[in-house]
């Protein structure tokens, strides 16, 4: 099968749906964000790209802190809502039971199976977005989503976003062991 040239805005998959939290104008605010990725192992860092128009950005810049909350499928409608309405005119924190860890301006969501508390390391100014890079200072998980002390993707039941069609998808089955399957291709010399 041949290759065809496509739009350069094709997105990488999967894009996990998250709720990024920050304190803006003295209240917790949450934004639905799918452009999130781990960027460094030690110290652990994560990046979240937020459109410059979003209300949440002001809080991240002001307080140098944010959270990344991983919602389960049961929070899909509330997550979607947080991407539709602006925190400028809507108090989205009323949707959730908010809690804090070490950082007083990184609100987290108790209903999310996994929450990461981040101290801002760098804000990269891009043409339409700001890429916030944060060091993960604390991670909180519901006990029920852990297997051998680690978050279990099947128990979290996260959902992903595809673009440009704008659909949410569930996570499928385990298909192979990373950093293991390729060993069969190593030369035996």
N, C-alpha and C. Protein backbone atom coordinates (compact mmCIF):
# COMPACT_ATOMS: atom_id res chain seq x y z
N UNK A 1 0.84 -1.17 0.00
CA UNK A 1 0.00 0.00 0.00
C UNK A 1 0.89 1.24 0.00
N UNK A 2 0.54 2.20 -0.83
CA UNK A 2 1.36 3.40 -0.96
C UNK A 2 1.08 4.45 0.10
N UNK A 3 1.99 5.39 0.21
CA UNK A 3 1.83 6.51 1.13
C UNK A 3 1.29 7.71 0.36
N UNK A 4 0.44 8.50 1.02
CA UNK A 4 -0.07 9.73 0.44
C UNK A 4 0.26 10.87 1.40
N UNK A 5 0.48 12.04 0.83
CA UNK A 5 0.77 13.20 1.65
C UNK A 5 -0.53 13.68 2.30
N UNK A 6 -0.46 14.00 3.62
CA UNK A 6 -1.65 14.46 4.33
C UNK A 6 -1.35 15.80 5.01
N UNK A 7 -2.36 16.37 5.63
CA UNK A 7 -2.24 17.64 6.34
C UNK A 7 -1.17 17.53 7.43
N UNK A 8 -0.34 18.54 7.56
CA UNK A 8 0.72 18.53 8.57
C UNK A 8 0.17 18.62 9.99
N UNK A 9 -1.10 18.93 10.14
CA UNK A 9 -1.71 18.98 11.47
C UNK A 9 -2.23 17.64 11.93
N UNK A 10 -1.83 16.56 11.26
CA UNK A 10 -2.20 15.22 11.72
C UNK A 10 -1.65 15.04 13.14
N UNK A 11 -2.47 14.50 14.02
CA UNK A 11 -2.07 14.36 15.42
C UNK A 11 -1.48 12.99 15.71
N UNK A 12 -0.60 12.95 16.67
CA UNK A 12 -0.06 11.68 17.15
C UNK A 12 -1.10 11.02 18.04
N UNK A 13 -1.14 9.71 18.01
CA UNK A 13 -2.10 8.99 18.86
C UNK A 13 -1.35 8.06 19.79
N UNK A 14 -1.85 7.76 20.96
CA UNK A 14 -3.06 8.34 21.53
C UNK A 14 -2.77 9.69 22.18
N UNK A 15 -3.82 10.49 22.34
CA UNK A 15 -3.74 11.75 23.07
C UNK A 15 -4.63 11.60 24.31
N UNK A 16 -4.03 11.39 25.47
CA UNK A 16 -4.85 11.15 26.66
C UNK A 16 -5.60 12.41 27.09
N UNK A 17 -6.87 12.27 27.40
CA UNK A 17 -7.62 13.41 27.92
C UNK A 17 -7.25 13.62 29.38
N UNK A 18 -6.99 14.86 29.71
CA UNK A 18 -6.66 15.24 31.08
C UNK A 18 -7.45 16.48 31.46
N UNK A 19 -7.44 16.77 32.73
CA UNK A 19 -7.96 18.03 33.24
C UNK A 19 -6.79 18.74 33.92
N UNK A 20 -6.35 19.84 33.33
CA UNK A 20 -5.25 20.62 33.90
C UNK A 20 -5.85 21.63 34.86
N UNK A 21 -5.31 21.64 36.08
CA UNK A 21 -5.82 22.53 37.11
C UNK A 21 -4.84 23.62 37.48
N UNK A 22 -5.37 24.80 37.78
CA UNK A 22 -4.57 25.93 38.26
C UNK A 22 -5.47 26.85 39.07
N UNK A 23 -4.87 27.63 39.94
CA UNK A 23 -5.62 28.64 40.68
C UNK A 23 -5.60 29.92 39.86
N UNK A 24 -6.80 30.40 39.51
CA UNK A 24 -6.93 31.62 38.72
C UNK A 24 -7.91 32.54 39.44
N UNK A 25 -7.45 33.75 39.72
CA UNK A 25 -8.28 34.72 40.43
C UNK A 25 -8.83 34.13 41.73
N UNK A 26 -7.96 33.49 42.47
CA UNK A 26 -8.25 32.94 43.81
C UNK A 26 -9.24 31.79 43.83
N UNK A 27 -9.43 31.10 42.71
CA UNK A 27 -10.30 29.92 42.74
C UNK A 27 -9.73 28.85 41.81
N UNK A 28 -10.00 27.58 42.13
CA UNK A 28 -9.52 26.49 41.29
C UNK A 28 -10.21 26.53 39.93
N UNK A 29 -9.45 26.26 38.89
CA UNK A 29 -10.01 26.20 37.54
C UNK A 29 -9.44 24.97 36.86
N UNK A 30 -10.25 24.36 35.99
CA UNK A 30 -9.83 23.15 35.28
C UNK A 30 -10.13 23.29 33.80
N UNK A 31 -9.21 22.81 32.98
CA UNK A 31 -9.33 22.86 31.53
C UNK A 31 -9.08 21.48 30.95
N UNK A 32 -9.91 21.05 30.01
CA UNK A 32 -9.70 19.78 29.30
C UNK A 32 -8.54 19.96 28.34
N UNK A 33 -7.52 19.11 28.48
CA UNK A 33 -6.31 19.21 27.66
C UNK A 33 -5.88 17.82 27.22
N UNK A 34 -5.66 17.65 25.91
CA UNK A 34 -5.19 16.37 25.39
C UNK A 34 -3.73 16.43 24.94
N UNK A 35 -3.20 17.60 24.78
CA UNK A 35 -1.81 17.73 24.35
C UNK A 35 -0.90 17.71 25.58
N UNK A 36 -0.73 16.51 26.14
CA UNK A 36 0.03 16.30 27.36
C UNK A 36 0.97 15.11 27.14
N UNK A 37 2.21 15.23 27.61
CA UNK A 37 3.16 14.11 27.47
C UNK A 37 4.24 14.20 28.53
N UNK A 38 4.73 13.05 28.94
CA UNK A 38 5.89 12.96 29.84
C UNK A 38 7.10 13.42 29.05
N UNK A 39 7.96 14.25 29.66
CA UNK A 39 9.10 14.79 28.94
C UNK A 39 10.45 14.47 29.53
N UNK A 40 10.50 14.04 30.79
CA UNK A 40 11.77 13.75 31.43
C UNK A 40 11.54 12.68 32.49
N UNK A 41 12.54 11.78 32.62
CA UNK A 41 12.42 10.70 33.59
C UNK A 41 12.80 11.14 35.00
N UNK A 42 14.02 11.70 35.16
CA UNK A 42 14.51 12.07 36.48
C UNK A 42 15.15 13.44 36.42
N UNK A 43 14.62 14.47 37.04
CA UNK A 43 13.37 14.42 37.79
C UNK A 43 12.18 14.26 36.85
N UNK A 44 11.10 13.69 37.34
CA UNK A 44 9.95 13.46 36.48
C UNK A 44 9.31 14.79 36.05
N UNK A 45 9.15 14.94 34.73
CA UNK A 45 8.55 16.16 34.19
C UNK A 45 7.50 15.81 33.16
N UNK A 46 6.51 16.69 33.05
CA UNK A 46 5.41 16.51 32.12
C UNK A 46 5.17 17.85 31.42
N UNK A 47 4.76 17.78 30.17
CA UNK A 47 4.45 18.99 29.42
C UNK A 47 2.99 19.01 29.04
N UNK A 48 2.38 20.19 29.11
CA UNK A 48 0.99 20.37 28.71
C UNK A 48 0.92 21.62 27.84
N UNK A 49 0.40 21.47 26.62
CA UNK A 49 0.28 22.59 25.69
C UNK A 49 -1.14 23.14 25.76
N UNK A 50 -1.25 24.39 26.19
CA UNK A 50 -2.54 25.06 26.32
C UNK A 50 -2.62 26.22 25.35
N UNK A 51 -3.75 26.33 24.66
CA UNK A 51 -3.96 27.48 23.78
C UNK A 51 -3.85 28.77 24.58
N UNK A 52 -3.24 29.78 23.99
CA UNK A 52 -2.99 31.03 24.71
C UNK A 52 -4.27 31.74 25.15
N UNK A 53 -5.38 31.42 24.54
CA UNK A 53 -6.64 32.10 24.87
C UNK A 53 -7.25 31.61 26.18
N UNK A 54 -6.75 30.52 26.73
CA UNK A 54 -7.40 29.90 27.88
C UNK A 54 -7.11 30.63 29.19
N UNK A 55 -8.14 30.71 30.01
CA UNK A 55 -8.13 31.36 31.32
C UNK A 55 -7.12 30.69 32.26
N UNK A 56 -6.95 29.39 32.15
CA UNK A 56 -6.06 28.62 33.02
C UNK A 56 -4.61 29.11 32.95
N UNK A 57 -4.20 29.56 31.77
CA UNK A 57 -2.81 29.97 31.57
C UNK A 57 -2.36 31.03 32.58
N UNK A 58 -3.24 32.00 32.86
CA UNK A 58 -2.88 33.09 33.77
C UNK A 58 -2.50 32.55 35.14
N UNK A 59 -3.23 31.55 35.62
CA UNK A 59 -2.94 30.97 36.92
C UNK A 59 -1.62 30.21 36.95
N UNK A 60 -1.33 29.49 35.87
CA UNK A 60 -0.05 28.75 35.81
C UNK A 60 1.11 29.75 35.82
N UNK A 61 0.99 30.80 35.00
CA UNK A 61 2.04 31.82 34.97
C UNK A 61 2.21 32.50 36.33
N UNK A 62 1.10 32.88 36.96
CA UNK A 62 1.15 33.62 38.22
C UNK A 62 1.71 32.80 39.38
N UNK A 63 1.24 31.57 39.51
CA UNK A 63 1.59 30.77 40.69
C UNK A 63 2.68 29.73 40.46
N UNK A 64 3.09 29.58 39.20
CA UNK A 64 4.16 28.63 38.86
C UNK A 64 3.84 27.21 39.30
N UNK A 65 2.56 26.85 39.19
CA UNK A 65 2.11 25.52 39.60
C UNK A 65 0.87 25.13 38.80
N UNK A 66 0.70 23.82 38.59
CA UNK A 66 -0.49 23.30 37.94
C UNK A 66 -0.62 21.82 38.27
N UNK A 67 -1.77 21.26 37.96
CA UNK A 67 -1.97 19.82 38.15
C UNK A 67 -2.40 19.21 36.83
N UNK A 68 -2.15 17.92 36.70
CA UNK A 68 -2.64 17.14 35.56
C UNK A 68 -3.43 15.98 36.17
N UNK A 69 -4.72 15.97 35.91
CA UNK A 69 -5.63 14.97 36.47
C UNK A 69 -6.10 14.06 35.35
N UNK A 70 -6.05 12.75 35.57
CA UNK A 70 -6.46 11.77 34.56
C UNK A 70 -7.86 11.29 34.92
N UNK A 71 -8.87 11.73 34.15
CA UNK A 71 -10.24 11.29 34.44
C UNK A 71 -10.51 9.90 33.87
N UNK A 72 -11.37 9.16 34.56
CA UNK A 72 -11.86 7.91 34.02
C UNK A 72 -13.04 8.19 33.09
N UNK A 73 -13.50 7.17 32.41
CA UNK A 73 -14.61 7.32 31.48
C UNK A 73 -15.87 7.87 32.12
N UNK A 74 -16.05 7.65 33.41
CA UNK A 74 -17.24 8.17 34.10
C UNK A 74 -17.25 9.69 34.19
N UNK A 75 -16.11 10.34 33.95
CA UNK A 75 -16.02 11.80 33.98
C UNK A 75 -15.95 12.42 32.59
N UNK A 76 -16.29 11.64 31.56
CA UNK A 76 -16.17 12.13 30.19
C UNK A 76 -17.00 13.39 29.94
N UNK A 77 -18.26 13.42 30.37
CA UNK A 77 -19.12 14.58 30.12
C UNK A 77 -18.59 15.81 30.86
N UNK A 78 -18.15 15.64 32.11
CA UNK A 78 -17.62 16.77 32.87
C UNK A 78 -16.30 17.26 32.27
N UNK A 79 -15.48 16.33 31.80
CA UNK A 79 -14.22 16.71 31.15
C UNK A 79 -14.51 17.51 29.89
N UNK A 80 -15.43 17.02 29.08
CA UNK A 80 -15.80 17.71 27.85
C UNK A 80 -16.32 19.12 28.17
N UNK A 81 -17.16 19.23 29.17
CA UNK A 81 -17.71 20.51 29.59
C UNK A 81 -16.59 21.49 29.95
N UNK A 82 -15.55 20.99 30.62
CA UNK A 82 -14.43 21.85 31.00
C UNK A 82 -13.64 22.36 29.80
N UNK A 83 -13.84 21.74 28.64
CA UNK A 83 -13.21 22.22 27.42
C UNK A 83 -14.12 23.11 26.60
N UNK A 84 -15.39 23.18 26.99
CA UNK A 84 -16.38 23.97 26.25
C UNK A 84 -16.57 25.35 26.87
N UNK A 85 -16.63 25.41 28.20
CA UNK A 85 -16.89 26.69 28.87
C UNK A 85 -15.60 27.28 29.43
N UNK A 86 -15.57 28.59 29.58
CA UNK A 86 -14.40 29.27 30.10
C UNK A 86 -14.52 29.52 31.60
N UNK A 87 -13.41 29.41 32.28
CA UNK A 87 -13.37 29.71 33.70
C UNK A 87 -13.53 31.19 34.00
N UNK A 88 -13.47 32.03 32.97
CA UNK A 88 -13.69 33.46 33.19
C UNK A 88 -15.10 33.73 33.68
N UNK A 89 -16.06 32.93 33.19
CA UNK A 89 -17.46 33.17 33.55
C UNK A 89 -18.13 31.98 34.23
N UNK A 90 -17.43 30.85 34.35
CA UNK A 90 -18.00 29.64 34.95
C UNK A 90 -17.06 29.08 36.00
N UNK A 91 -17.59 28.80 37.18
CA UNK A 91 -16.79 28.19 38.24
C UNK A 91 -16.81 26.67 38.05
N UNK A 92 -15.84 26.16 37.30
CA UNK A 92 -15.80 24.73 36.99
C UNK A 92 -15.39 23.89 38.20
N UNK A 93 -14.83 24.51 39.21
CA UNK A 93 -14.42 23.74 40.39
C UNK A 93 -15.63 23.15 41.12
N UNK A 94 -16.82 23.71 40.91
CA UNK A 94 -18.03 23.20 41.56
C UNK A 94 -18.42 21.82 41.04
N UNK A 95 -17.83 21.41 39.91
CA UNK A 95 -18.11 20.09 39.35
C UNK A 95 -17.41 18.98 40.12
N UNK A 96 -16.38 19.33 40.89
CA UNK A 96 -15.49 18.33 41.47
C UNK A 96 -15.26 18.57 42.96
N UNK A 97 -14.75 17.52 43.62
CA UNK A 97 -14.25 17.63 44.98
C UNK A 97 -12.76 17.94 44.83
N UNK A 98 -12.37 19.16 45.14
CA UNK A 98 -11.01 19.64 44.92
C UNK A 98 -10.16 19.39 46.17
N UNK A 99 -8.90 18.98 45.94
CA UNK A 99 -7.96 18.82 47.06
C UNK A 99 -6.59 19.33 46.63
N UNK A 100 -5.71 19.50 47.61
CA UNK A 100 -4.37 20.03 47.37
C UNK A 100 -3.34 19.12 48.04
N UNK A 101 -2.15 19.13 47.48
CA UNK A 101 -1.03 18.39 48.05
C UNK A 101 -0.03 19.38 48.64
N UNK A 102 1.20 19.34 48.15
CA UNK A 102 2.26 20.21 48.65
C UNK A 102 2.13 21.65 48.15
N UNK A 103 1.62 21.81 46.95
CA UNK A 103 1.55 23.13 46.32
C UNK A 103 0.16 23.72 46.49
N UNK A 104 0.07 24.90 47.06
CA UNK A 104 -1.24 25.46 47.38
C UNK A 104 -1.98 25.99 46.16
N UNK A 105 -1.35 26.08 45.00
CA UNK A 105 -2.02 26.62 43.82
C UNK A 105 -2.10 25.61 42.68
N UNK A 106 -2.04 24.33 43.01
CA UNK A 106 -2.19 23.26 42.01
C UNK A 106 -3.39 22.40 42.42
N UNK A 107 -4.61 22.89 42.16
CA UNK A 107 -5.80 22.13 42.58
C UNK A 107 -5.90 20.80 41.84
N UNK A 108 -6.29 19.77 42.58
CA UNK A 108 -6.46 18.44 41.99
C UNK A 108 -7.89 17.96 42.23
N UNK A 109 -8.27 16.94 41.49
CA UNK A 109 -9.65 16.45 41.49
C UNK A 109 -9.71 15.07 42.14
N UNK A 110 -10.44 14.99 43.25
CA UNK A 110 -10.54 13.73 43.99
C UNK A 110 -11.20 12.62 43.15
N UNK A 111 -12.14 12.95 42.28
CA UNK A 111 -12.84 11.94 41.48
C UNK A 111 -11.96 11.36 40.37
N UNK A 112 -10.85 12.00 40.04
CA UNK A 112 -9.95 11.46 39.02
C UNK A 112 -9.10 10.35 39.64
N UNK A 113 -8.98 9.22 38.96
CA UNK A 113 -8.20 8.11 39.50
C UNK A 113 -6.73 8.44 39.75
N UNK A 114 -6.19 9.39 38.97
CA UNK A 114 -4.77 9.73 39.07
C UNK A 114 -4.62 11.24 38.93
N UNK A 115 -3.84 11.84 39.83
CA UNK A 115 -3.59 13.28 39.79
C UNK A 115 -2.11 13.54 40.02
N UNK A 116 -1.55 14.45 39.22
CA UNK A 116 -0.15 14.81 39.31
C UNK A 116 -0.04 16.29 39.67
N UNK A 117 0.74 16.57 40.68
CA UNK A 117 0.94 17.94 41.15
C UNK A 117 2.28 18.42 40.60
N UNK A 118 2.27 19.56 39.91
CA UNK A 118 3.47 20.00 39.17
C UNK A 118 3.90 21.41 39.53
N UNK A 119 5.20 21.57 39.67
CA UNK A 119 5.81 22.89 39.84
C UNK A 119 6.32 23.32 38.46
N UNK A 120 5.93 24.50 38.02
CA UNK A 120 6.32 24.98 36.70
C UNK A 120 7.84 25.14 36.62
N UNK A 121 8.43 24.51 35.61
CA UNK A 121 9.86 24.61 35.36
C UNK A 121 10.13 25.61 34.24
N UNK A 122 9.29 25.55 33.22
CA UNK A 122 9.49 26.41 32.05
C UNK A 122 8.17 26.58 31.31
N UNK A 123 7.95 27.77 30.78
CA UNK A 123 6.81 28.03 29.90
C UNK A 123 7.39 28.41 28.54
N UNK A 124 7.14 27.58 27.55
CA UNK A 124 7.66 27.80 26.21
C UNK A 124 6.58 28.49 25.39
N UNK A 125 6.89 29.70 24.95
CA UNK A 125 5.94 30.50 24.18
C UNK A 125 5.98 30.06 22.71
N UNK A 126 4.89 29.49 22.24
CA UNK A 126 4.76 29.05 20.85
C UNK A 126 3.75 29.97 20.15
N UNK A 127 3.64 29.92 18.82
CA UNK A 127 2.74 30.85 18.13
C UNK A 127 1.29 30.85 18.63
N UNK A 128 0.68 29.69 18.84
CA UNK A 128 -0.72 29.67 19.27
C UNK A 128 -0.90 29.06 20.67
N UNK A 129 0.10 28.43 21.19
CA UNK A 129 0.00 27.75 22.47
C UNK A 129 1.16 28.12 23.39
N UNK A 130 0.99 27.80 24.65
CA UNK A 130 2.09 27.85 25.61
C UNK A 130 2.31 26.43 26.09
N UNK A 131 3.54 25.95 25.97
CA UNK A 131 3.89 24.62 26.46
C UNK A 131 4.42 24.78 27.88
N UNK A 132 3.62 24.34 28.84
CA UNK A 132 4.02 24.40 30.24
C UNK A 132 4.72 23.10 30.60
N UNK A 133 5.96 23.21 31.05
CA UNK A 133 6.72 22.04 31.48
C UNK A 133 6.82 22.09 33.00
N UNK A 134 6.35 21.03 33.63
CA UNK A 134 6.33 21.02 35.07
C UNK A 134 7.01 19.80 35.65
N UNK A 135 7.69 20.00 36.78
CA UNK A 135 8.24 18.87 37.53
C UNK A 135 7.13 18.29 38.39
N UNK A 136 6.95 16.98 38.30
CA UNK A 136 5.93 16.31 39.10
C UNK A 136 6.48 16.19 40.52
N UNK A 137 5.87 16.92 41.46
CA UNK A 137 6.36 16.89 42.84
C UNK A 137 5.59 15.89 43.70
N UNK A 138 4.37 15.56 43.30
CA UNK A 138 3.57 14.55 44.00
C UNK A 138 2.62 13.90 43.02
N UNK A 139 2.31 12.64 43.29
CA UNK A 139 1.31 11.91 42.49
C UNK A 139 0.35 11.24 43.47
N UNK A 140 -0.93 11.32 43.15
CA UNK A 140 -1.97 10.74 44.00
C UNK A 140 -2.83 9.80 43.18
N UNK A 141 -3.09 8.61 43.70
CA UNK A 141 -3.89 7.61 42.99
C UNK A 141 -4.93 7.02 43.92
N UNK A 142 -6.09 6.70 43.35
CA UNK A 142 -7.08 5.93 44.11
C UNK A 142 -6.48 4.55 44.35
N UNK A 143 -6.62 4.04 45.55
CA UNK A 143 -6.06 2.72 45.86
C UNK A 143 -6.56 1.64 44.92
N UNK A 144 -7.80 1.73 44.50
CA UNK A 144 -8.42 0.71 43.66
C UNK A 144 -7.88 0.62 42.25
N UNK A 145 -7.10 1.62 41.80
CA UNK A 145 -6.56 1.57 40.43
C UNK A 145 -5.12 1.04 40.40
N UNK A 146 -4.61 0.66 41.56
CA UNK A 146 -3.23 0.18 41.63
C UNK A 146 -3.15 -1.33 41.50
N UNK A 147 -2.14 -1.78 40.76
CA UNK A 147 -1.77 -3.19 40.69
C UNK A 147 -0.29 -3.26 41.03
N UNK A 148 0.05 -3.98 42.07
CA UNK A 148 1.44 -4.05 42.56
C UNK A 148 2.01 -2.66 42.83
N UNK A 149 1.17 -1.77 43.34
CA UNK A 149 1.61 -0.44 43.71
C UNK A 149 1.71 0.56 42.57
N UNK A 150 1.39 0.14 41.35
CA UNK A 150 1.50 1.02 40.19
C UNK A 150 0.13 1.24 39.55
N UNK A 151 -0.09 2.44 38.96
CA UNK A 151 -1.36 2.68 38.27
C UNK A 151 -1.58 1.65 37.15
N UNK A 152 -2.78 1.12 37.08
CA UNK A 152 -3.16 0.11 36.10
C UNK A 152 -4.10 0.75 35.09
N UNK A 153 -3.67 0.83 33.84
CA UNK A 153 -4.44 1.54 32.82
C UNK A 153 -5.86 1.00 32.67
N UNK A 154 -6.05 -0.29 32.80
CA UNK A 154 -7.40 -0.85 32.67
C UNK A 154 -8.29 -0.41 33.83
N UNK A 155 -7.72 -0.30 35.01
CA UNK A 155 -8.50 0.13 36.18
C UNK A 155 -8.79 1.63 36.16
N UNK A 156 -7.87 2.40 35.60
CA UNK A 156 -8.08 3.85 35.47
C UNK A 156 -9.22 4.12 34.49
N UNK A 157 -9.27 3.32 33.41
CA UNK A 157 -10.27 3.50 32.36
C UNK A 157 -10.20 4.90 31.74
N UNK A 158 -8.99 5.31 31.30
CA UNK A 158 -8.86 6.64 30.71
C UNK A 158 -9.49 6.67 29.31
N UNK A 159 -9.60 7.85 28.78
CA UNK A 159 -10.06 7.96 27.39
C UNK A 159 -9.14 8.91 26.65
N UNK A 160 -9.11 8.75 25.35
CA UNK A 160 -8.22 9.53 24.50
C UNK A 160 -9.04 10.35 23.51
N UNK A 161 -8.38 11.30 22.89
CA UNK A 161 -9.02 12.17 21.91
C UNK A 161 -8.36 11.96 20.56
N UNK A 162 -9.17 11.93 19.51
CA UNK A 162 -8.63 11.96 18.15
C UNK A 162 -9.03 13.29 17.52
N UNK A 163 -8.13 13.81 16.71
CA UNK A 163 -8.38 15.05 15.98
C UNK A 163 -7.93 14.83 14.54
N UNK A 164 -8.55 15.39 13.56
CA UNK A 164 -9.51 16.50 13.64
C UNK A 164 -10.98 16.07 13.77
N UNK A 165 -11.26 14.79 13.91
CA UNK A 165 -12.66 14.35 13.98
C UNK A 165 -13.30 14.62 15.35
N UNK A 166 -12.46 14.87 16.37
CA UNK A 166 -12.94 15.21 17.72
C UNK A 166 -13.84 14.15 18.34
N UNK A 167 -13.29 12.93 18.45
CA UNK A 167 -13.99 11.84 19.13
C UNK A 167 -13.16 11.36 20.31
N UNK A 168 -13.86 10.85 21.31
CA UNK A 168 -13.20 10.21 22.45
C UNK A 168 -13.20 8.70 22.22
N UNK A 169 -12.13 8.05 22.66
CA UNK A 169 -11.95 6.61 22.48
C UNK A 169 -11.51 6.00 23.80
N UNK A 170 -11.88 4.76 24.01
CA UNK A 170 -11.39 4.03 25.18
C UNK A 170 -10.08 3.35 24.83
N UNK A 171 -9.37 2.89 25.83
CA UNK A 171 -8.10 2.21 25.62
C UNK A 171 -8.37 0.73 25.36
N UNK A 172 -7.64 0.16 24.41
CA UNK A 172 -7.85 -1.24 24.04
C UNK A 172 -7.06 -2.23 24.88
N UNK A 173 -6.79 -3.35 24.30
CA UNK A 173 -6.12 -4.46 25.00
C UNK A 173 -4.60 -4.33 24.96
N UNK A 174 -3.95 -4.96 25.90
CA UNK A 174 -2.49 -5.06 25.91
C UNK A 174 -2.09 -5.93 24.72
N UNK A 175 -1.09 -5.48 23.94
CA UNK A 175 -0.71 -6.21 22.73
C UNK A 175 0.73 -6.71 22.72
N UNK A 176 1.56 -6.28 23.67
CA UNK A 176 2.94 -6.75 23.69
C UNK A 176 3.73 -6.11 24.82
N UNK A 177 4.88 -6.69 25.14
CA UNK A 177 5.76 -6.20 26.20
C UNK A 177 6.81 -5.27 25.61
N UNK A 178 6.80 -4.00 26.03
CA UNK A 178 7.76 -3.01 25.53
C UNK A 178 9.19 -3.37 25.94
N UNK A 179 10.12 -3.03 25.10
CA UNK A 179 11.56 -3.25 25.31
C UNK A 179 11.87 -4.74 25.46
N UNK A 180 11.01 -5.58 24.89
CA UNK A 180 11.21 -7.02 24.97
C UNK A 180 10.98 -7.67 23.61
N UNK A 181 9.90 -7.31 22.94
CA UNK A 181 9.57 -7.94 21.65
C UNK A 181 10.70 -7.81 20.63
N UNK A 182 11.37 -6.68 20.63
CA UNK A 182 12.42 -6.44 19.65
C UNK A 182 13.69 -7.24 19.88
N UNK A 183 13.83 -7.83 21.05
CA UNK A 183 15.03 -8.62 21.35
C UNK A 183 15.19 -9.78 20.37
N UNK A 184 14.09 -10.27 19.84
CA UNK A 184 14.18 -11.39 18.89
C UNK A 184 14.85 -10.98 17.59
N UNK A 185 14.98 -9.68 17.34
CA UNK A 185 15.60 -9.20 16.11
C UNK A 185 17.09 -8.91 16.28
N UNK A 186 17.59 -8.95 17.50
CA UNK A 186 19.01 -8.72 17.72
C UNK A 186 19.82 -9.84 17.08
N UNK A 187 20.97 -9.46 16.54
CA UNK A 187 21.83 -10.50 15.96
C UNK A 187 22.38 -11.37 17.08
N UNK A 188 22.57 -12.62 16.78
CA UNK A 188 23.02 -13.57 17.81
C UNK A 188 24.54 -13.70 17.81
N UNK A 189 25.23 -12.73 17.21
CA UNK A 189 26.67 -12.78 17.11
C UNK A 189 27.34 -12.22 18.26
